[in-house]
Amino acid sequence: MIEPTCLIVPGLRDAVSGHWQTLLAAHLRRQGRPMAEMPPMGRDDLDCAARVAAIEAAARSVAGPLVIVAHSAGCLMVAHWAATTTREVHGAVHGALLAVPPDFDTPMPAGYPTVAALDRAGWLPVPRRRLPFRSIVAASRNDPLAGFDTVAALARDWGAELADLGEVGHLNPASGHGDWPQAEQFIATLSAPH
């Protein structure tokens, strides 16, 4: 069996050295495991279509199977991409780890884009169709960007398995999290034949 390439899809952030996705990418490189990254695009340019196009380009650069590893708004990007891609995803995408997706349908905390700005940039409505590949939504009980019940409903709509992480905030350095070893366990689960 060909080992799937991990495609890392960040959310609305710049490059952050202590972020679990950055640390995961470095770990995968050291192990010589197949990996592709969509570079962080920050919060200044919110164009959802450009981000979806970046996922499409990254996915097309990989000849074999993929496991997508998304964080925050990257989870919503993956849902938009899955709804629009022309790449064959059945079988080609073994699965997606969707960690702490935000709730873009309600106002975000200060410092984050407004619902109106997200709507203008093409994020809304958030796709709620069943994803065409296996997925695990990892949810936090105290995420400032989304309530647990909202994320659980999103997971149901996407046909995803829900993994309750407990109280991990937004699973980022601002909430006291760097390395996230559990991500590799989820990746292994999604990489296994099913």
C-alpha atoms as a PDB file:
ATOM      1  CA  MET A   1       0.000   0.000   0.000  1.00  0.00           C
ATOM      2  CA  ILE A   2       1.248   3.493  -0.873  1.00  0.00           C
ATOM      3  CA  GLU A   3       1.565   5.711   2.203  1.00  0.00           C
ATOM      4  CA  PRO A   4      -0.747   8.718   1.792  1.00  0.00           C
ATOM      5  CA  THR A   5       0.765  12.176   1.543  1.00  0.00           C
ATOM      6  CA  CYS A   6      -0.261  14.474   4.385  1.00  0.00           C
ATOM      7  CA  LEU A   7      -1.573  17.745   2.958  1.00  0.00           C
ATOM      8  CA  ILE A   8      -1.460  20.388   5.685  1.00  0.00           C
ATOM      9  CA  VAL A   9      -4.081  23.151   5.350  1.00  0.00           C
ATOM     10  CA  PRO A  10      -3.718  26.045   7.829  1.00  0.00           C
ATOM     11  CA  GLY A  11      -6.500  28.406   8.851  1.00  0.00           C
ATOM     12  CA  LEU A  12      -6.516  32.206   8.902  1.00  0.00           C
ATOM     13  CA  ARG A  13      -3.033  32.684  10.284  1.00  0.00           C
ATOM     14  CA  ASP A  14       0.458  33.680   9.301  1.00  0.00           C
ATOM     15  CA  ALA A  15       3.409  31.314   9.731  1.00  0.00           C
ATOM     16  CA  VAL A  16       3.700  30.426  13.440  1.00  0.00           C
ATOM     17  CA  SER A  17       6.738  28.399  14.500  1.00  0.00           C
ATOM     18  CA  GLY A  18       5.082  26.916  17.600  1.00  0.00           C
ATOM     19  CA  HIS A  19       1.802  25.909  15.941  1.00  0.00           C
ATOM     20  CA  TRP A  20       1.038  22.169  15.990  1.00  0.00           C
ATOM     21  CA  GLN A  21       0.752  22.065  12.186  1.00  0.00           C
ATOM     22  CA  THR A  22       4.206  23.658  11.781  1.00  0.00           C
ATOM     23  CA  LEU A  23       5.670  21.208  14.304  1.00  0.00           C
ATOM     24  CA  LEU A  24       3.882  18.284  12.622  1.00  0.00           C
ATOM     25  CA  ALA A  25       5.266  19.267   9.205  1.00  0.00           C
ATOM     26  CA  ALA A  26       8.810  19.408  10.612  1.00  0.00           C
ATOM     27  CA  HIS A  27       8.323  16.020  12.290  1.00  0.00           C
ATOM     28  CA  LEU A  28       7.026  14.420   9.085  1.00  0.00           C
ATOM     29  CA  ARG A  29       9.994  15.861   7.136  1.00  0.00           C
ATOM     30  CA  ARG A  30      12.471  14.432   9.665  1.00  0.00           C
ATOM     31  CA  GLN A  31      10.820  11.021   9.305  1.00  0.00           C
ATOM     32  CA  GLY A  32      10.971  11.243   5.510  1.00  0.00           C
ATOM     33  CA  ARG A  33       7.218  10.797   5.250  1.00  0.00           C
ATOM     34  CA  PRO A  34       5.358  12.166   2.228  1.00  0.00           C
ATOM     35  CA  MET A  35       4.005  15.631   2.954  1.00  0.00           C
ATOM     36  CA  ALA A  36       2.681  18.702   1.161  1.00  0.00           C
ATOM     37  CA  GLU A  37       1.833  22.055   2.692  1.00  0.00           C
ATOM     38  CA  MET A  38      -0.456  24.848   1.696  1.00  0.00           C
ATOM     39  CA  PRO A  39       1.393  27.926   2.947  1.00  0.00           C
ATOM     40  CA  PRO A  40      -0.345  30.111   5.551  1.00  0.00           C
ATOM     41  CA  MET A  41      -2.106  33.012   3.833  1.00  0.00           C
ATOM     42  CA  GLY A  42      -2.795  35.187   6.894  1.00  0.00           C
ATOM     43  CA  ARG A  43      -5.924  37.194   7.674  1.00  0.00           C
ATOM     44  CA  ASP A  44      -5.388  40.165   5.372  1.00  0.00           C
ATOM     45  CA  ASP A  45      -6.666  38.537   2.177  1.00  0.00           C
ATOM     46  CA  LEU A  46      -9.802  36.607   3.048  1.00  0.00           C
ATOM     47  CA  ASP A  47     -10.607  35.477  -0.507  1.00  0.00           C
ATOM     48  CA  CYS A  48     -12.026  31.986   0.042  1.00  0.00           C
ATOM     49  CA  ALA A  49     -11.818  31.113  -3.672  1.00  0.00           C
ATOM     50  CA  ALA A  50      -8.062  31.816  -3.669  1.00  0.00           C
ATOM     51  CA  ARG A  51      -7.594  29.534  -0.687  1.00  0.00           C
ATOM     52  CA  VAL A  52      -9.667  26.778  -2.288  1.00  0.00           C
ATOM     53  CA  ALA A  53      -7.577  27.168  -5.457  1.00  0.00           C
ATOM     54  CA  ALA A  54      -4.430  26.769  -3.337  1.00  0.00           C
ATOM     55  CA  ILE A  55      -5.784  23.488  -1.917  1.00  0.00           C
ATOM     56  CA  GLU A  56      -6.634  22.328  -5.440  1.00  0.00           C
ATOM     57  CA  ALA A  57      -3.108  23.140  -6.659  1.00  0.00           C
ATOM     58  CA  ALA A  58      -1.517  21.390  -3.682  1.00  0.00           C
ATOM     59  CA  ALA A  59      -3.779  18.341  -4.065  1.00  0.00           C
ATOM     60  CA  ARG A  60      -3.022  18.118  -7.788  1.00  0.00           C
ATOM     61  CA  SER A  61       0.716  18.252  -7.081  1.00  0.00           C
ATOM     62  CA  VAL A  62       0.399  14.892  -5.292  1.00  0.00           C
ATOM     63  CA  ALA A  63       0.157  11.838  -7.549  1.00  0.00           C
ATOM     64  CA  GLY A  64      -0.976   9.331  -4.920  1.00  0.00           C
ATOM     65  CA  PRO A  65      -3.444   9.241  -2.058  1.00  0.00           C
ATOM     66  CA  LEU A  66      -3.897  12.099   0.410  1.00  0.00           C
ATOM     67  CA  VAL A  67      -4.739  12.597   4.050  1.00  0.00           C
ATOM     68  CA  ILE A  68      -5.723  16.220   4.624  1.00  0.00           C
ATOM     69  CA  VAL A  69      -4.781  17.809   7.959  1.00  0.00           C
ATOM     70  CA  ALA A  70      -6.685  21.073   8.452  1.00  0.00           C
ATOM     71  CA  HIS A  71      -6.976  23.487  11.346  1.00  0.00           C
ATOM     72  CA  SER A  72      -9.624  26.111  12.115  1.00  0.00           C
ATOM     73  CA  ALA A  73     -10.772  27.950   8.962  1.00  0.00           C
ATOM     74  CA  GLY A  74      -8.727  25.422   6.988  1.00  0.00           C
ATOM     75  CA  CYS A  75     -11.498  22.922   7.828  1.00  0.00           C
ATOM     76  CA  LEU A  76     -14.047  25.161   6.131  1.00  0.00           C
ATOM     77  CA  MET A  77     -11.679  25.617   3.176  1.00  0.00           C
ATOM     78  CA  VAL A  78     -11.568  21.822   2.819  1.00  0.00           C
ATOM     79  CA  ALA A  79     -15.379  21.669   2.845  1.00  0.00           C
ATOM     80  CA  HIS A  80     -15.542  24.348   0.123  1.00  0.00           C
ATOM     81  CA  TRP A  81     -12.837  22.511  -1.855  1.00  0.00           C
ATOM     82  CA  ALA A  82     -14.598  19.147  -1.574  1.00  0.00           C
ATOM     83  CA  ALA A  83     -17.757  20.751  -2.974  1.00  0.00           C
ATOM     84  CA  THR A  84     -15.970  22.219  -6.008  1.00  0.00           C
ATOM     85  CA  THR A  85     -12.877  20.154  -6.850  1.00  0.00           C
ATOM     86  CA  THR A  86     -12.522  18.439 -10.180  1.00  0.00           C
ATOM     87  CA  ARG A  87      -9.842  16.126  -8.734  1.00  0.00           C
ATOM     88  CA  GLU A  88     -11.119  12.592  -8.211  1.00  0.00           C
ATOM     89  CA  VAL A  89     -11.508  12.443  -4.446  1.00  0.00           C
ATOM     90  CA  HIS A  90     -13.163   9.044  -3.990  1.00  0.00           C
ATOM     91  CA  GLY A  91     -10.262   6.794  -3.069  1.00  0.00           C
ATOM     92  CA  ALA A  92      -7.685   9.505  -3.766  1.00  0.00           C
ATOM     93  CA  VAL A  93      -8.394  11.234  -0.448  1.00  0.00           C
ATOM     94  CA  HIS A  94      -8.163   8.626   2.299  1.00  0.00           C
ATOM     95  CA  GLY A  95      -9.494  11.083   4.836  1.00  0.00           C
ATOM     96  CA  ALA A  96      -9.329  14.463   6.503  1.00  0.00           C
ATOM     97  CA  LEU A  97      -8.477  15.501  10.043  1.00  0.00           C
ATOM     98  CA  LEU A  98     -10.515  18.650  10.657  1.00  0.00           C
ATOM     99  CA  ALA A  99      -9.296  20.206  13.898  1.00  0.00           C
ATOM    100  CA  VAL A 100     -11.413  22.807  15.729  1.00  0.00           C
ATOM    101  CA  PRO A 101     -13.460  24.272  12.861  1.00  0.00           C
ATOM    102  CA  PRO A 102     -14.777  27.754  13.695  1.00  0.00           C
ATOM    103  CA  ASP A 103     -18.381  28.924  13.575  1.00  0.00           C
ATOM    104  CA  PHE A 104     -18.392  31.535  10.821  1.00  0.00           C
ATOM    105  CA  ASP A 105     -22.176  31.935  11.024  1.00  0.00           C
ATOM    106  CA  THR A 106     -21.958  33.913  14.281  1.00  0.00           C
ATOM    107  CA  PRO A 107     -19.798  36.933  15.177  1.00  0.00           C
ATOM    108  CA  MET A 108     -16.189  36.106  15.982  1.00  0.00           C
ATOM    109  CA  PRO A 109     -14.220  37.570  18.911  1.00  0.00           C
ATOM    110  CA  ALA A 110     -12.408  40.896  18.491  1.00  0.00           C
ATOM    111  CA  GLY A 111      -9.430  40.642  16.175  1.00  0.00           C
ATOM    112  CA  TYR A 112     -11.118  38.154  13.844  1.00  0.00           C
ATOM    113  CA  PRO A 113     -12.975  38.917  10.604  1.00  0.00           C
ATOM    114  CA  THR A 114     -16.611  39.984  10.839  1.00  0.00           C
ATOM    115  CA  VAL A 115     -19.431  37.826   9.475  1.00  0.00           C
ATOM    116  CA  ALA A 116     -20.006  40.506   6.793  1.00  0.00           C
ATOM    117  CA  ALA A 117     -16.324  40.404   5.739  1.00  0.00           C
ATOM    118  CA  LEU A 118     -16.390  36.601   5.596  1.00  0.00           C
ATOM    119  CA  ASP A 119     -19.585  36.702   3.525  1.00  0.00           C
ATOM    120  CA  ARG A 120     -18.055  39.211   1.060  1.00  0.00           C
ATOM    121  CA  ALA A 121     -14.977  36.978   0.771  1.00  0.00           C
ATOM    122  CA  GLY A 122     -17.067  33.925  -0.212  1.00  0.00           C
ATOM    123  CA  TRP A 123     -16.954  31.866   2.987  1.00  0.00           C
ATOM    124  CA  LEU A 124     -20.710  31.818   3.538  1.00  0.00           C
ATOM    125  CA  PRO A 125     -22.738  29.769   3.514  1.00  0.00           C
ATOM    126  CA  VAL A 126     -20.459  27.152   5.054  1.00  0.00           C
ATOM    127  CA  PRO A 127     -20.866  23.910   3.059  1.00  0.00           C
ATOM    128  CA  ARG A 128     -22.827  21.344   5.045  1.00  0.00           C
ATOM    129  CA  ARG A 129     -22.996  18.508   2.534  1.00  0.00           C
ATOM    130  CA  ARG A 130     -21.565  15.124   3.441  1.00  0.00           C
ATOM    131  CA  LEU A 131     -17.857  15.054   2.573  1.00  0.00           C
ATOM    132  CA  PRO A 132     -16.911  12.521  -0.127  1.00  0.00           C
ATOM    133  CA  PHE A 133     -14.161  11.022   2.050  1.00  0.00           C
ATOM    134  CA  ARG A 134     -13.726   9.801   5.606  1.00  0.00           C
ATOM    135  CA  SER A 135     -13.203  12.584   8.115  1.00  0.00           C
ATOM    136  CA  ILE A 136     -12.614  13.182  11.805  1.00  0.00           C
ATOM    137  CA  VAL A 137     -13.680  16.485  13.361  1.00  0.00           C
ATOM    138  CA  ALA A 138     -11.625  17.154  16.490  1.00  0.00           C
ATOM    139  CA  ALA A 139     -13.620  19.506  18.716  1.00  0.00           C
ATOM    140  CA  SER A 140     -12.803  21.544  21.804  1.00  0.00           C
ATOM    141  CA  ARG A 141     -15.172  22.036  24.728  1.00  0.00           C
ATOM    142  CA  ASN A 142     -13.977  25.643  25.314  1.00  0.00           C
ATOM    143  CA  ASP A 143     -13.080  26.946  21.860  1.00  0.00           C
ATOM    144  CA  PRO A 144     -13.604  30.735  21.754  1.00  0.00           C
ATOM    145  CA  LEU A 145     -14.367  30.465  18.017  1.00  0.00           C
ATOM    146  CA  ALA A 146     -17.118  27.825  18.134  1.00  0.00           C
ATOM    147  CA  GLY A 147     -19.384  26.092  20.615  1.00  0.00           C
ATOM    148  CA  PHE A 148     -19.008  22.336  20.992  1.00  0.00           C
ATOM    149  CA  ASP A 149     -22.630  21.668  19.975  1.00  0.00           C
ATOM    150  CA  THR A 150     -22.215  23.764  16.823  1.00  0.00           C
ATOM    151  CA  VAL A 151     -19.103  21.813  15.836  1.00  0.00           C
ATOM    152  CA  ALA A 152     -20.833  18.520  16.633  1.00  0.00           C
ATOM    153  CA  ALA A 153     -23.676  19.502  14.278  1.00  0.00           C
ATOM    154  CA  LEU A 154     -21.148  20.411  11.573  1.00  0.00           C
ATOM    155  CA  ALA A 155     -19.477  17.009  12.015  1.00  0.00           C
ATOM    156  CA  ARG A 156     -22.856  15.280  11.622  1.00  0.00           C
ATOM    157  CA  ASP A 157     -23.601  17.256   8.449  1.00  0.00           C
ATOM    158  CA  TRP A 158     -20.190  16.374   7.003  1.00  0.00           C
ATOM    159  CA  GLY A 159     -20.641  12.688   7.908  1.00  0.00           C
ATOM    160  CA  ALA A 160     -17.563  12.930  10.119  1.00  0.00           C
ATOM    161  CA  GLU A 161     -16.563  11.092  13.252  1.00  0.00           C
ATOM    162  CA  LEU A 162     -16.532  13.508  16.201  1.00  0.00           C
ATOM    163  CA  ALA A 163     -13.507  13.400  18.518  1.00  0.00           C
ATOM    164  CA  ASP A 164     -14.012  15.253  21.819  1.00  0.00           C
ATOM    165  CA  LEU A 165     -10.644  16.775  22.770  1.00  0.00           C
ATOM    166  CA  GLY A 166     -11.883  18.215  26.043  1.00  0.00           C
ATOM    167  CA  GLU A 167     -10.921  21.769  26.972  1.00  0.00           C
ATOM    168  CA  VAL A 168      -8.112  22.690  24.564  1.00  0.00           C
ATOM    169  CA  GLY A 169      -9.229  26.200  23.585  1.00  0.00           C
ATOM    170  CA  HIS A 170      -8.602  26.751  19.878  1.00  0.00           C
ATOM    171  CA  LEU A 171      -5.740  24.218  19.893  1.00  0.00           C
ATOM    172  CA  ASN A 172      -3.171  26.892  19.079  1.00  0.00           C
ATOM    173  CA  PRO A 173      -0.250  28.606  20.838  1.00  0.00           C
ATOM    174  CA  ALA A 174      -2.590  31.358  22.117  1.00  0.00           C
ATOM    175  CA  SER A 175      -4.494  28.686  24.073  1.00  0.00           C
ATOM    176  CA  GLY A 176      -1.281  27.114  25.380  1.00  0.00           C
ATOM    177  CA  HIS A 177      -0.891  24.380  22.771  1.00  0.00           C
ATOM    178  CA  GLY A 178       2.084  23.642  20.568  1.00  0.00           C
ATOM    179  CA  ASP A 179       2.957  20.072  19.695  1.00  0.00           C
ATOM    180  CA  TRP A 180      -0.153  17.875  19.350  1.00  0.00           C
ATOM    181  CA  PRO A 181       0.940  14.212  19.229  1.00  0.00           C
ATOM    182  CA  GLN A 182      -2.677  13.021  18.950  1.00  0.00           C
ATOM    183  CA  ALA A 183      -2.730  14.421  15.406  1.00  0.00           C
ATOM    184  CA  GLU A 184      -0.434  11.592  14.315  1.00  0.00           C
ATOM    185  CA  GLN A 185      -2.801   9.025  15.819  1.00  0.00           C
ATOM    186  CA  PHE A 186      -5.687  10.526  13.837  1.00  0.00           C
ATOM    187  CA  ILE A 187      -3.537  10.572  10.681  1.00  0.00           C
ATOM    188  CA  ALA A 188      -2.676   6.886  11.185  1.00  0.00           C
ATOM    189  CA  THR A 189      -6.381   6.052  11.577  1.00  0.00           C
ATOM    190  CA  LEU A 190      -7.252   7.936   8.397  1.00  0.00           C
ATOM    191  CA  SER A 191      -4.316   6.418   6.478  1.00  0.00           C
ATOM    192  CA  ALA A 192      -5.318   2.825   7.241  1.00  0.00           C
ATOM    193  CA  PRO A 193      -7.329   0.941   4.622  1.00  0.00           C
ATOM    194  CA  HIS A 194     -11.059   0.921   5.372  1.00  0.00           C
END
